[in-house]
Amino acid sequence: MRAMQSPSAPLATHLPPEALRIQALARRHTTPCGDGDLVWHTWGDGEPLVLLHGGSGSWTHWIRNVEALAAAGRRVVVPDLPGFGDSAQPAEGQDADAVAPALAKGMRDLLGDAPVDVVGFSFGGLCGALMAVDAPQQLRRLVLVGAPGLGLRSRRLPLTSWRDQPTEEGQRAAHRSNLATLMLHHDEAIDDLAVSLQAANVPRDRMHRRKLALTDILLHKLPEIRCPLDAIYGEEDALYRDAIPELKARLATAPTLGELVLVPDVGHWIQYEAAEAFNRELLRLLG
């Protein structure tokens, strides 16, 4: 029997126990978004640190980071981006240029006017960069993690259709294959938790017309970013491992670029596959 998930069902309905444990430690907040709410989770206290997840994701892209970053003294603030997870779609648009203003408004509603540190993973990095240009007063520092939009790829990696699988077992096999193709470098990193998170998140992606990640929009925006900027990429990221010199050169066009940290032997989902190293490097960059 086909085991399809309804995108209208709460994300927690399909989260594995470890994700539910970490979610139970958080405070839940909502701010207006489109015809509904933008859903946020926060852990800890101190200076806000906003983490933006990747495409087809949710707050769970940071499941191995929120506790450590909160323990380091930060108030870790993680939204389900507009159109993903439990958050409503933005009022207009289906891509990062619609998510960024909706997210900026939600940040003001939740955190006030003081600038904050923002870390954006993949699609979330592109959203963070657009915010840094269009709402510069809101960002104190931006850290890009495996962000696209540098003109280094014009086609998507070939992924397996999980929707065509008639059983839950087949769907999980498709999610496992896609994690290997795009997200994680080592087979042993593709554990049951990663597969379960992928299976919970992907059906709740309602932003199906995203194409900006395949353009060079970030490359054109980098010279306009005025806040301090750093970047963390995996050396074995399937999107960039064959173009590391070009990656370095294109990021270097940002006038405020501090460091590009290349994490060895790790893929696109760095903060999951090498959580300890990622947390250490991120906290060092944040000072």
Foldseek 3Di string as FASTA:
>chain_A
DADDDALQDALVVQADPLQVVVQVQWDWDWDDAAPRTWIKTKHADAAEEEEEEAALAFQCLQSLPRVVVRVVPYTYMYIGFDQWHNHHHHNDAQALVRRLVRVVVVCCVVPNQAAGAYEYAASRLVNVLVCLQVVVSRHQEYEYALYAQQQLAQDDFDADDLVPDRYPVSSLVRLLRRCCQAPKPDSVLSDPNVSSNSSSRNSNRPSPPYRNRNHNVSLVSLCSRDHAYEYEYECAANSDVVPVVVVVVSNVNRPRYDYYHYHYPIYRSCCRSPVVVVNVVVVVVVD
